[in-house]
Amino acid sequence: MQPHSAGSSKSPRAGSRSSLCPGLRAILVPALAAGLSPAAVLAQAQSPAPQPVFPDAPQPQTPAKPAPSSLPPCKPVKNTTPGQTPATPSSPQPCRKIPNVPVVDWFARFLTGPAVKPFSPAEKARLAARNFIDPFNAVTILGTSAISVAADSHSAYGPGMTGFGRYVGVSYAEDLTGEFFGTFLIPSIVHQDPHYHRMPSASVPRRIRHTLAQVFWTKSDKGGNMVNYANIVGFAIEGVISNTYVPGQDTRFPASATRYTLGLATAPADNLITEFLPDIARHIHIRIVLIQRIINQAALSQTSQ
């Protein structure tokens, strides 16, 4: 056995215990007195101290954008001289863009005056097709057919939906014949302008005489005066063709001549409406376009009886 030195420690616990720092000893001593194990006390001592919990910092909020409907409309940019750019504001304000919706002028069809250039046959054909498929024309034909069949169920067209369908078909056939000969074919052959030419600046008596004269005297494609062959010749052709398909119609010459005369006599009604309806609408602020088609169809019905 090796001799022990006088300065050496015989108890290692005494040496380890004496090496504890005063702070740790101040923790272990009361804990041991309370009955806790040293390992639990050391683990509790070495665990980091809980940090205080603070509320989250407020997030920066952007101002809510106003609804598009509540924004004022954007002001139009003023025209500037050529070579000059429009000035832009330093802090533009939000505004609401107004869509560019085209304004429908329901009376444009009545305001068609002398053509700027002569109509080609293709343009006259398109004009005839546009008049034929006009929605107001369809409404007028359907309404007139329903009223006529309901008023006289014993006519040659027959009662009920069968008679209504026949009346609609005959009305469309007459309308198609009139547009083909009166708007397309005859005006294309004789170079006639198929439009009605208004005189909005003339006096009322002068305009009335103009509506009567336009039945027989109209304008050419070049703007000169000429006979209205579309009416004079077209009505005769339409009468002859209608004798082949209109049910219950007297096809003898006297009856056909009477229908032809009535057709020319009622033609100014269409011209009167075309001449004065825009003026009436401007004064009383109403827009009635069906009136022209109703009177047109009534005139056709009278000439086909």
C-alpha atoms as a PDB file:
ATOM      1  CA  MET A   1       0.000   0.000   0.000  1.00  0.00           C
ATOM      2  CA  GLN A   2       1.214   3.444  -0.774  1.00  0.00           C
ATOM      3  CA  PRO A   3       1.274   5.919   2.113  1.00  0.00           C
ATOM      4  CA  HIS A   4      -1.160   8.785   1.989  1.00  0.00           C
ATOM      5  CA  SER A   5       0.124  12.299   2.052  1.00  0.00           C
ATOM      6  CA  ALA A   6      -0.924  14.552   4.867  1.00  0.00           C
ATOM      7  CA  GLY A   7      -2.540  17.063   2.513  1.00  0.00           C
ATOM      8  CA  SER A   8      -4.635  14.631   0.512  1.00  0.00           C
ATOM      9  CA  SER A   9      -8.360  14.309   1.136  1.00  0.00           C
ATOM     10  CA  LYS A  10      -9.575  10.901   2.278  1.00  0.00           C
ATOM     11  CA  SER A  11     -13.200  11.532   1.269  1.00  0.00           C
ATOM     12  CA  PRO A  12     -13.903  12.374  -2.370  1.00  0.00           C
ATOM     13  CA  ARG A  13     -17.487  13.465  -1.473  1.00  0.00           C
ATOM     14  CA  ALA A  14     -16.032  16.085   0.818  1.00  0.00           C
ATOM     15  CA  GLY A  15     -13.914  17.372  -2.064  1.00  0.00           C
ATOM     16  CA  SER A  16     -16.805  17.380  -4.609  1.00  0.00           C
ATOM     17  CA  ARG A  17     -19.180  18.897  -2.144  1.00  0.00           C
ATOM     18  CA  SER A  18     -16.747  21.654  -1.253  1.00  0.00           C
ATOM     19  CA  SER A  19     -16.302  22.445  -4.966  1.00  0.00           C
ATOM     20  CA  LEU A  20     -19.943  23.533  -5.447  1.00  0.00           C
ATOM     21  CA  CYS A  21     -20.473  27.198  -6.018  1.00  0.00           C
ATOM     22  CA  PRO A  22     -22.323  29.104  -3.325  1.00  0.00           C
ATOM     23  CA  GLY A  23     -25.303  29.719  -5.514  1.00  0.00           C
ATOM     24  CA  LEU A  24     -25.823  26.044  -6.321  1.00  0.00           C
ATOM     25  CA  ARG A  25     -25.349  25.158  -2.700  1.00  0.00           C
ATOM     26  CA  ALA A  26     -27.970  27.663  -1.730  1.00  0.00           C
ATOM     27  CA  ILE A  27     -30.392  25.760  -3.981  1.00  0.00           C
ATOM     28  CA  LEU A  28     -29.434  22.198  -3.017  1.00  0.00           C
ATOM     29  CA  VAL A  29     -29.488  22.627   0.700  1.00  0.00           C
ATOM     30  CA  PRO A  30     -33.137  23.731   1.025  1.00  0.00           C
ATOM     31  CA  ALA A  31     -34.188  21.194  -1.600  1.00  0.00           C
ATOM     32  CA  LEU A  32     -32.533  18.297   0.214  1.00  0.00           C
ATOM     33  CA  ALA A  33     -34.186  19.472   3.362  1.00  0.00           C
ATOM     34  CA  ALA A  34     -37.500  19.356   1.598  1.00  0.00           C
ATOM     35  CA  GLY A  35     -36.887  15.718   0.490  1.00  0.00           C
ATOM     36  CA  LEU A  36     -35.979  16.285  -3.236  1.00  0.00           C
ATOM     37  CA  SER A  37     -33.294  14.201  -4.884  1.00  0.00           C
ATOM     38  CA  PRO A  38     -30.120  15.967  -5.985  1.00  0.00           C
ATOM     39  CA  ALA A  39     -30.601  14.947  -9.634  1.00  0.00           C
ATOM     40  CA  ALA A  40     -34.036  16.549  -9.801  1.00  0.00           C
ATOM     41  CA  VAL A  41     -32.740  19.642  -8.154  1.00  0.00           C
ATOM     42  CA  LEU A  42     -29.791  19.886 -10.585  1.00  0.00           C
ATOM     43  CA  ALA A  43     -32.087  19.413 -13.588  1.00  0.00           C
ATOM     44  CA  GLN A  44     -34.384  22.110 -12.327  1.00  0.00           C
ATOM     45  CA  ALA A  45     -31.479  24.381 -11.661  1.00  0.00           C
ATOM     46  CA  GLN A  46     -29.948  23.898 -15.119  1.00  0.00           C
ATOM     47  CA  SER A  47     -33.237  24.463 -17.065  1.00  0.00           C
ATOM     48  CA  PRO A  48     -33.501  27.961 -18.567  1.00  0.00           C
ATOM     49  CA  ALA A  49     -35.680  30.434 -16.844  1.00  0.00           C
ATOM     50  CA  PRO A  50     -39.082  30.984 -18.503  1.00  0.00           C
ATOM     51  CA  GLN A  51     -39.223  34.057 -20.645  1.00  0.00           C
ATOM     52  CA  PRO A  52     -42.088  36.494 -20.224  1.00  0.00           C
ATOM     53  CA  VAL A  53     -44.751  36.285 -22.978  1.00  0.00           C
ATOM     54  CA  PHE A  54     -45.526  39.562 -24.683  1.00  0.00           C
ATOM     55  CA  PRO A  55     -48.454  40.170 -27.124  1.00  0.00           C
ATOM     56  CA  ASP A  56     -47.641  40.226 -30.847  1.00  0.00           C
ATOM     57  CA  ALA A  57     -46.804  43.548 -32.296  1.00  0.00           C
ATOM     58  CA  PRO A  58     -49.676  45.070 -34.306  1.00  0.00           C
ATOM     59  CA  GLN A  59     -49.405  44.494 -38.069  1.00  0.00           C
ATOM     60  CA  PRO A  60     -49.469  47.556 -40.335  1.00  0.00           C
ATOM     61  CA  GLN A  61     -52.887  47.821 -41.991  1.00  0.00           C
ATOM     62  CA  THR A  62     -53.535  49.347 -45.401  1.00  0.00           C
ATOM     63  CA  PRO A  63     -56.611  51.532 -45.793  1.00  0.00           C
ATOM     64  CA  ALA A  64     -59.542  49.726 -47.366  1.00  0.00           C
ATOM     65  CA  LYS A  65     -60.204  50.600 -50.991  1.00  0.00           C
ATOM     66  CA  PRO A  66     -63.627  52.130 -51.648  1.00  0.00           C
ATOM     67  CA  ALA A  67     -66.143  50.142 -53.646  1.00  0.00           C
ATOM     68  CA  PRO A  68     -66.072  50.899 -57.410  1.00  0.00           C
ATOM     69  CA  SER A  69     -69.714  51.950 -57.342  1.00  0.00           C
ATOM     70  CA  SER A  70     -69.025  54.609 -54.672  1.00  0.00           C
ATOM     71  CA  LEU A  71     -66.202  56.256 -56.621  1.00  0.00           C
ATOM     72  CA  PRO A  72     -66.912  59.393 -58.639  1.00  0.00           C
ATOM     73  CA  PRO A  73     -66.775  59.040 -62.428  1.00  0.00           C
ATOM     74  CA  CYS A  74     -63.473  59.856 -64.078  1.00  0.00           C
ATOM     75  CA  LYS A  75     -63.312  63.231 -65.742  1.00  0.00           C
ATOM     76  CA  PRO A  76     -62.536  63.167 -69.477  1.00  0.00           C
ATOM     77  CA  VAL A  77     -59.114  64.400 -70.511  1.00  0.00           C
ATOM     78  CA  LYS A  78     -59.318  67.704 -72.309  1.00  0.00           C
ATOM     79  CA  ASN A  79     -58.014  67.863 -75.848  1.00  0.00           C
ATOM     80  CA  THR A  80     -54.702  69.589 -76.228  1.00  0.00           C
ATOM     81  CA  THR A  81     -53.005  71.194 -79.155  1.00  0.00           C
ATOM     82  CA  PRO A  82     -50.990  68.937 -81.479  1.00  0.00           C
ATOM     83  CA  GLY A  83     -47.583  68.113 -80.047  1.00  0.00           C
ATOM     84  CA  GLN A  84     -48.631  68.881 -76.461  1.00  0.00           C
ATOM     85  CA  THR A  85     -49.192  66.128 -73.907  1.00  0.00           C
ATOM     86  CA  PRO A  86     -52.036  66.474 -71.424  1.00  0.00           C
ATOM     87  CA  ALA A  87     -51.007  67.399 -67.905  1.00  0.00           C
ATOM     88  CA  THR A  88     -51.376  64.666 -65.296  1.00  0.00           C
ATOM     89  CA  PRO A  89     -52.245  65.509 -61.672  1.00  0.00           C
ATOM     90  CA  SER A  90     -49.503  65.015 -59.041  1.00  0.00           C
ATOM     91  CA  SER A  91     -51.730  62.863 -56.815  1.00  0.00           C
ATOM     92  CA  PRO A  92     -54.461  61.301 -58.949  1.00  0.00           C
ATOM     93  CA  GLN A  93     -57.661  60.533 -57.099  1.00  0.00           C
ATOM     94  CA  PRO A  94     -59.340  57.132 -57.569  1.00  0.00           C
ATOM     95  CA  CYS A  95     -62.293  57.283 -59.878  1.00  0.00           C
ATOM     96  CA  ARG A  96     -64.719  54.976 -61.631  1.00  0.00           C
ATOM     97  CA  LYS A  97     -64.349  54.457 -65.368  1.00  0.00           C
ATOM     98  CA  ILE A  98     -67.662  54.675 -67.192  1.00  0.00           C
ATOM     99  CA  PRO A  99     -67.937  52.093 -70.020  1.00  0.00           C
ATOM    100  CA  ASN A 100     -68.387  53.516 -73.489  1.00  0.00           C
ATOM    101  CA  VAL A 101     -71.884  52.197 -74.232  1.00  0.00           C
ATOM    102  CA  PRO A 102     -73.183  53.214 -77.656  1.00  0.00           C
ATOM    103  CA  VAL A 103     -76.412  55.189 -77.562  1.00  0.00           C
ATOM    104  CA  VAL A 104     -79.141  53.570 -79.629  1.00  0.00           C
ATOM    105  CA  ASP A 105     -81.086  56.068 -81.696  1.00  0.00           C
ATOM    106  CA  TRP A 106     -84.397  54.383 -82.392  1.00  0.00           C
ATOM    107  CA  PHE A 107     -85.307  57.102 -84.898  1.00  0.00           C
ATOM    108  CA  ALA A 108     -82.233  56.770 -87.092  1.00  0.00           C
ATOM    109  CA  ARG A 109     -84.319  54.801 -89.578  1.00  0.00           C
ATOM    110  CA  PHE A 110     -86.641  57.799 -90.011  1.00  0.00           C
ATOM    111  CA  LEU A 111     -83.836  60.323 -90.424  1.00  0.00           C
ATOM    112  CA  THR A 112     -82.255  58.746 -93.488  1.00  0.00           C
ATOM    113  CA  GLY A 113     -82.081  61.499 -96.051  1.00  0.00           C
ATOM    114  CA  PRO A 114     -80.413  61.618 -99.444  1.00  0.00           C
ATOM    115  CA  ALA A 115     -77.619  59.109 -99.647  1.00  0.00           C
ATOM    116  CA  VAL A 116     -74.105  60.490 -99.447  1.00  0.00           C
ATOM    117  CA  LYS A 117     -73.112  58.124-102.238  1.00  0.00           C
ATOM    118  CA  PRO A 118     -75.192  56.013-104.624  1.00  0.00           C
ATOM    119  CA  PHE A 119     -76.318  52.702-103.196  1.00  0.00           C
ATOM    120  CA  SER A 120     -74.921  49.649-104.929  1.00  0.00           C
ATOM    121  CA  PRO A 121     -77.258  46.699-105.669  1.00  0.00           C
ATOM    122  CA  ALA A 122     -75.612  44.775-102.826  1.00  0.00           C
ATOM    123  CA  GLU A 123     -76.346  47.613-100.391  1.00  0.00           C
ATOM    124  CA  LYS A 124     -79.953  47.785-101.544  1.00  0.00           C
ATOM    125  CA  ALA A 125     -80.249  44.033-101.007  1.00  0.00           C
ATOM    126  CA  ARG A 126     -78.885  44.401 -97.476  1.00  0.00           C
ATOM    127  CA  LEU A 127     -81.363  47.216 -96.836  1.00  0.00           C
ATOM    128  CA  ALA A 128     -84.242  45.010 -97.986  1.00  0.00           C
ATOM    129  CA  ALA A 129     -83.049  42.136 -95.787  1.00  0.00           C
ATOM    130  CA  ARG A 130     -82.707  44.440 -92.786  1.00  0.00           C
ATOM    131  CA  ASN A 131     -86.247  45.722 -93.251  1.00  0.00           C
ATOM    132  CA  PHE A 132     -87.566  42.173 -93.591  1.00  0.00           C
ATOM    133  CA  ILE A 133     -85.937  40.815 -90.406  1.00  0.00           C
ATOM    134  CA  ASP A 134     -86.700  43.939 -88.408  1.00  0.00           C
ATOM    135  CA  PRO A 135     -87.967  42.818 -84.933  1.00  0.00           C
ATOM    136  CA  PHE A 136     -90.673  45.482 -85.018  1.00  0.00           C
ATOM    137  CA  ASN A 137     -91.875  44.001 -88.289  1.00  0.00           C
ATOM    138  CA  ALA A 138     -92.150  40.566 -86.658  1.00  0.00           C
ATOM    139  CA  VAL A 139     -94.061  41.950 -83.665  1.00  0.00           C
ATOM    140  CA  THR A 140     -96.461  43.797 -85.962  1.00  0.00           C
ATOM    141  CA  ILE A 141     -97.115  40.771 -88.174  1.00  0.00           C
ATOM    142  CA  LEU A 142     -97.707  38.489 -85.190  1.00  0.00           C
ATOM    143  CA  GLY A 143    -100.010  40.991 -83.503  1.00  0.00           C
ATOM    144  CA  THR A 144    -101.993  41.742 -86.650  1.00  0.00           C
ATOM    145  CA  SER A 145    -102.380  38.040 -87.420  1.00  0.00           C
ATOM    146  CA  ALA A 146    -103.631  37.238 -83.929  1.00  0.00           C
ATOM    147  CA  ILE A 147    -106.168  40.073 -83.959  1.00  0.00           C
ATOM    148  CA  SER A 148    -107.424  39.274 -87.467  1.00  0.00           C
ATOM    149  CA  VAL A 149    -107.920  35.550 -86.787  1.00  0.00           C
ATOM    150  CA  ALA A 150    -109.559  36.206 -83.420  1.00  0.00           C
ATOM    151  CA  ALA A 151    -111.934  38.785 -84.953  1.00  0.00           C
ATOM    152  CA  ASP A 152    -113.031  36.553 -87.845  1.00  0.00           C
ATOM    153  CA  SER A 153    -112.581  32.852 -87.235  1.00  0.00           C
ATOM    154  CA  HIS A 154    -114.577  32.019 -90.384  1.00  0.00           C
ATOM    155  CA  SER A 155    -112.181  33.702 -92.800  1.00  0.00           C
ATOM    156  CA  ALA A 156    -110.325  31.844 -95.518  1.00  0.00           C
ATOM    157  CA  TYR A 157    -107.360  31.427 -93.184  1.00  0.00           C
ATOM    158  CA  GLY A 158    -109.331  29.273 -90.751  1.00  0.00           C
ATOM    159  CA  PRO A 159    -109.721  29.434 -86.948  1.00  0.00           C
ATOM    160  CA  GLY A 160    -107.266  28.808 -84.144  1.00  0.00           C
ATOM    161  CA  MET A 161    -103.543  28.288 -84.438  1.00  0.00           C
ATOM    162  CA  THR A 162    -103.920  26.926 -87.967  1.00  0.00           C
ATOM    163  CA  GLY A 163    -105.454  30.159 -89.199  1.00  0.00           C
ATOM    164  CA  PHE A 164    -102.919  32.168 -87.207  1.00  0.00           C
ATOM    165  CA  GLY A 165    -100.027  30.309 -88.820  1.00  0.00           C
ATOM    166  CA  ARG A 166    -101.465  30.799 -92.320  1.00  0.00           C
ATOM    167  CA  TYR A 167    -101.989  34.510 -91.725  1.00  0.00           C
ATOM    168  CA  VAL A 168     -98.423  34.923 -90.468  1.00  0.00           C
ATOM    169  CA  GLY A 169     -97.063  33.052 -93.463  1.00  0.00           C
ATOM    170  CA  VAL A 170     -99.066  35.119 -95.962  1.00  0.00           C
ATOM    171  CA  SER A 171     -98.037  38.363 -94.254  1.00  0.00           C
ATOM    172  CA  TYR A 172     -94.367  37.427 -94.362  1.00  0.00           C
ATOM    173  CA  ALA A 173     -94.684  36.426 -98.019  1.00  0.00           C
ATOM    174  CA  GLU A 174     -96.236  39.787 -98.897  1.00  0.00           C
ATOM    175  CA  ASP A 175     -93.569  41.632 -96.942  1.00  0.00           C
ATOM    176  CA  LEU A 176     -90.793  39.661 -98.606  1.00  0.00           C
ATOM    177  CA  THR A 177     -92.248  40.347-102.065  1.00  0.00           C
ATOM    178  CA  GLY A 178     -92.530  44.059-101.359  1.00  0.00           C
ATOM    179  CA  GLU A 179     -88.965  44.359-100.058  1.00  0.00           C
ATOM    180  CA  PHE A 180     -87.532  42.327-102.925  1.00  0.00           C
ATOM    181  CA  PHE A 181     -89.174  44.342-105.693  1.00  0.00           C
ATOM    182  CA  GLY A 182     -89.646  47.723-104.000  1.00  0.00           C
ATOM    183  CA  THR A 183     -86.308  48.035-102.178  1.00  0.00           C
ATOM    184  CA  PHE A 184     -83.885  45.867-104.120  1.00  0.00           C
ATOM    185  CA  LEU A 185     -84.731  44.809-107.680  1.00  0.00           C
ATOM    186  CA  ILE A 186     -86.586  47.771-109.207  1.00  0.00           C
ATOM    187  CA  PRO A 187     -84.386  50.454-107.546  1.00  0.00           C
ATOM    188  CA  SER A 188     -81.288  48.581-108.698  1.00  0.00           C
ATOM    189  CA  ILE A 189     -82.508  48.425-112.304  1.00  0.00           C
ATOM    190  CA  VAL A 190     -83.665  52.049-112.598  1.00  0.00           C
ATOM    191  CA  HIS A 191     -80.996  53.465-110.202  1.00  0.00           C
ATOM    192  CA  GLN A 192     -83.542  54.752-107.704  1.00  0.00           C
ATOM    193  CA  ASP A 193     -82.735  55.633-104.109  1.00  0.00           C
ATOM    194  CA  PRO A 194     -85.042  53.429-101.983  1.00  0.00           C
ATOM    195  CA  HIS A 195     -85.008  55.821 -99.002  1.00  0.00           C
ATOM    196  CA  TYR A 196     -87.677  58.320 -98.136  1.00  0.00           C
ATOM    197  CA  HIS A 197     -86.285  61.871 -98.123  1.00  0.00           C
ATOM    198  CA  ARG A 198     -87.533  64.059 -95.282  1.00  0.00           C
ATOM    199  CA  MET A 199     -87.887  67.845 -95.321  1.00  0.00           C
ATOM    200  CA  PRO A 200     -87.496  68.749 -91.622  1.00  0.00           C
ATOM    201  CA  SER A 201     -86.851  72.462 -92.273  1.00  0.00           C
ATOM    202  CA  ALA A 202     -89.904  73.093 -94.475  1.00  0.00           C
ATOM    203  CA  SER A 203     -93.323  74.238 -93.308  1.00  0.00           C
ATOM    204  CA  VAL A 204     -95.940  71.695 -92.274  1.00  0.00           C
ATOM    205  CA  PRO A 205     -98.152  72.167 -95.391  1.00  0.00           C
ATOM    206  CA  ARG A 206     -95.086  71.835 -97.610  1.00  0.00           C
ATOM    207  CA  ARG A 207     -94.055  68.639 -95.828  1.00  0.00           C
ATOM    208  CA  ILE A 208     -97.534  67.161 -96.182  1.00  0.00           C
ATOM    209  CA  ARG A 209     -97.495  67.831 -99.921  1.00  0.00           C
ATOM    210  CA  HIS A 210     -94.026  66.277-100.017  1.00  0.00           C
ATOM    211  CA  THR A 211     -95.282  63.046 -98.436  1.00  0.00           C
ATOM    212  CA  LEU A 212     -98.024  62.819-101.065  1.00  0.00           C
ATOM    213  CA  ALA A 213     -95.689  63.556-103.952  1.00  0.00           C
ATOM    214  CA  GLN A 214     -93.052  61.017-102.841  1.00  0.00           C
ATOM    215  CA  VAL A 215     -95.453  58.213-103.678  1.00  0.00           C
ATOM    216  CA  PHE A 216     -95.020  59.021-107.380  1.00  0.00           C
ATOM    217  CA  TRP A 217     -91.900  61.240-107.487  1.00  0.00           C
ATOM    218  CA  THR A 218     -88.661  60.489-105.660  1.00  0.00           C
ATOM    219  CA  LYS A 219     -84.857  60.764-105.839  1.00  0.00           C
ATOM    220  CA  SER A 220     -82.378  58.864-107.956  1.00  0.00           C
ATOM    221  CA  ASP A 221     -79.087  57.436-106.745  1.00  0.00           C
ATOM    222  CA  LYS A 222     -77.335  60.582-107.980  1.00  0.00           C
ATOM    223  CA  GLY A 223     -79.717  62.915-106.131  1.00  0.00           C
ATOM    224  CA  GLY A 224     -81.879  63.986-109.075  1.00  0.00           C
ATOM    225  CA  ASN A 225     -85.643  63.700-109.377  1.00  0.00           C
ATOM    226  CA  MET A 226     -87.256  60.684-111.007  1.00  0.00           C
ATOM    227  CA  VAL A 227     -90.471  58.659-111.162  1.00  0.00           C
ATOM    228  CA  ASN A 228     -91.010  56.339-108.206  1.00  0.00           C
ATOM    229  CA  TYR A 229     -90.974  53.101-110.143  1.00  0.00           C
ATOM    230  CA  ALA A 230     -90.659  51.114-106.921  1.00  0.00           C
ATOM    231  CA  ASN A 231     -94.230  52.095-106.019  1.00  0.00           C
ATOM    232  CA  ILE A 232     -95.889  52.448-109.401  1.00  0.00           C
ATOM    233  CA  VAL A 233     -94.481  49.255-110.906  1.00  0.00           C
ATOM    234  CA  GLY A 234     -93.760  47.404-107.667  1.00  0.00           C
ATOM    235  CA  PHE A 235     -97.331  47.562-106.359  1.00  0.00           C
ATOM    236  CA  ALA A 236     -98.626  46.077-109.610  1.00  0.00           C
ATOM    237  CA  ILE A 237     -96.119  43.203-109.498  1.00  0.00           C
ATOM    238  CA  GLU A 238     -96.899  42.516-105.841  1.00  0.00           C
ATOM    239  CA  GLY A 239    -100.632  42.420-106.604  1.00  0.00           C
ATOM    240  CA  VAL A 240    -100.207  39.917-109.414  1.00  0.00           C
ATOM    241  CA  ILE A 241     -98.005  37.638-107.275  1.00  0.00           C
ATOM    242  CA  SER A 242    -100.311  37.836-104.252  1.00  0.00           C
ATOM    243  CA  ASN A 243    -103.184  36.554-106.404  1.00  0.00           C
ATOM    244  CA  THR A 244    -101.370  33.207-106.555  1.00  0.00           C
ATOM    245  CA  TYR A 245    -101.184  32.447-102.814  1.00  0.00           C
ATOM    246  CA  VAL A 246    -103.466  34.687-100.719  1.00  0.00           C
ATOM    247  CA  PRO A 247    -106.436  32.495 -99.666  1.00  0.00           C
ATOM    248  CA  GLY A 248    -109.922  33.731-100.506  1.00  0.00           C
ATOM    249  CA  GLN A 249    -108.714  36.682-102.589  1.00  0.00           C
ATOM    250  CA  ASP A 250    -110.636  37.741-105.686  1.00  0.00           C
ATOM    251  CA  THR A 251    -108.169  37.417-108.547  1.00  0.00           C
ATOM    252  CA  ARG A 252    -110.263  39.093-111.264  1.00  0.00           C
ATOM    253  CA  PHE A 253    -108.939  42.278-112.880  1.00  0.00           C
ATOM    254  CA  PRO A 254    -111.429  44.756-111.316  1.00  0.00           C
ATOM    255  CA  ALA A 255    -110.644  43.481-107.816  1.00  0.00           C
ATOM    256  CA  SER A 256    -106.906  43.543-108.510  1.00  0.00           C
ATOM    257  CA  ALA A 257    -107.143  47.096-109.873  1.00  0.00           C
ATOM    258  CA  THR A 258    -109.050  48.175-106.758  1.00  0.00           C
ATOM    259  CA  ARG A 259    -106.372  46.720-104.484  1.00  0.00           C
ATOM    260  CA  TYR A 260    -103.662  48.440-106.543  1.00  0.00           C
ATOM    261  CA  THR A 261    -105.416  51.799-106.222  1.00  0.00           C
ATOM    262  CA  LEU A 262    -105.896  51.344-102.486  1.00  0.00           C
ATOM    263  CA  GLY A 263    -102.226  50.502-102.127  1.00  0.00           C
ATOM    264  CA  LEU A 264    -101.165  53.760-103.767  1.00  0.00           C
ATOM    265  CA  ALA A 265    -103.783  55.708-101.789  1.00  0.00           C
ATOM    266  CA  THR A 266    -102.573  54.392 -98.421  1.00  0.00           C
ATOM    267  CA  ALA A 267     -98.851  54.715 -99.243  1.00  0.00           C
ATOM    268  CA  PRO A 268     -98.686  58.350 -97.974  1.00  0.00           C
ATOM    269  CA  ALA A 269     -99.513  57.094 -94.463  1.00  0.00           C
ATOM    270  CA  ASP A 270     -96.070  55.516 -94.263  1.00  0.00           C
ATOM    271  CA  ASN A 271     -94.472  58.723 -95.551  1.00  0.00           C
ATOM    272  CA  LEU A 272     -96.381  60.874 -93.047  1.00  0.00           C
ATOM    273  CA  ILE A 273     -95.163  58.823 -90.106  1.00  0.00           C
ATOM    274  CA  THR A 274     -91.600  58.813 -91.402  1.00  0.00           C
ATOM    275  CA  GLU A 275     -91.745  62.579 -91.931  1.00  0.00           C
ATOM    276  CA  PHE A 276     -93.313  63.703 -88.637  1.00  0.00           C
ATOM    277  CA  LEU A 277     -92.688  60.999 -86.039  1.00  0.00           C
ATOM    278  CA  PRO A 278     -89.177  62.237 -85.104  1.00  0.00           C
ATOM    279  CA  ASP A 279     -90.554  65.741 -84.533  1.00  0.00           C
ATOM    280  CA  ILE A 280     -93.408  64.449 -82.379  1.00  0.00           C
ATOM    281  CA  ALA A 281     -91.036  62.294 -80.344  1.00  0.00           C
ATOM    282  CA  ARG A 282     -88.731  65.235 -79.675  1.00  0.00           C
ATOM    283  CA  HIS A 283     -91.595  67.338 -78.334  1.00  0.00           C
ATOM    284  CA  ILE A 284     -93.465  64.860 -76.145  1.00  0.00           C
ATOM    285  CA  HIS A 285     -90.453  62.621 -75.305  1.00  0.00           C
ATOM    286  CA  ILE A 286     -92.001  59.309 -76.233  1.00  0.00           C
ATOM    287  CA  ARG A 287     -90.602  56.731 -78.606  1.00  0.00           C
ATOM    288  CA  ILE A 288     -93.151  54.730 -80.489  1.00  0.00           C
ATOM    289  CA  VAL A 289     -91.728  52.879 -83.432  1.00  0.00           C
ATOM    290  CA  LEU A 290     -94.383  50.177 -83.740  1.00  0.00           C
ATOM    291  CA  ILE A 291     -96.878  52.696 -85.128  1.00  0.00           C
ATOM    292  CA  GLN A 292     -95.198  52.756 -88.525  1.00  0.00           C
ATOM    293  CA  ARG A 293     -95.106  48.977 -88.842  1.00  0.00           C
ATOM    294  CA  ILE A 294     -98.713  48.610 -87.664  1.00  0.00           C
ATOM    295  CA  ILE A 295     -99.972  51.066 -90.262  1.00  0.00           C
ATOM    296  CA  ASN A 296     -97.806  49.423 -92.950  1.00  0.00           C
ATOM    297  CA  GLN A 297     -99.237  46.017 -92.121  1.00  0.00           C
ATOM    298  CA  ALA A 298    -102.772  47.407 -91.980  1.00  0.00           C
ATOM    299  CA  ALA A 299    -102.278  48.879 -95.445  1.00  0.00           C
ATOM    300  CA  LEU A 300    -101.025  45.537 -96.750  1.00  0.00           C
ATOM    301  CA  SER A 301    -104.000  43.771 -95.206  1.00  0.00           C
ATOM    302  CA  GLN A 302    -106.421  46.178 -96.858  1.00  0.00           C
ATOM    303  CA  THR A 303    -104.809  45.739-100.248  1.00  0.00           C
ATOM    304  CA  SER A 304    -104.899  41.952 -99.985  1.00  0.00           C
ATOM    305  CA  GLN A 305    -108.638  41.692 -99.259  1.00  0.00           C
END
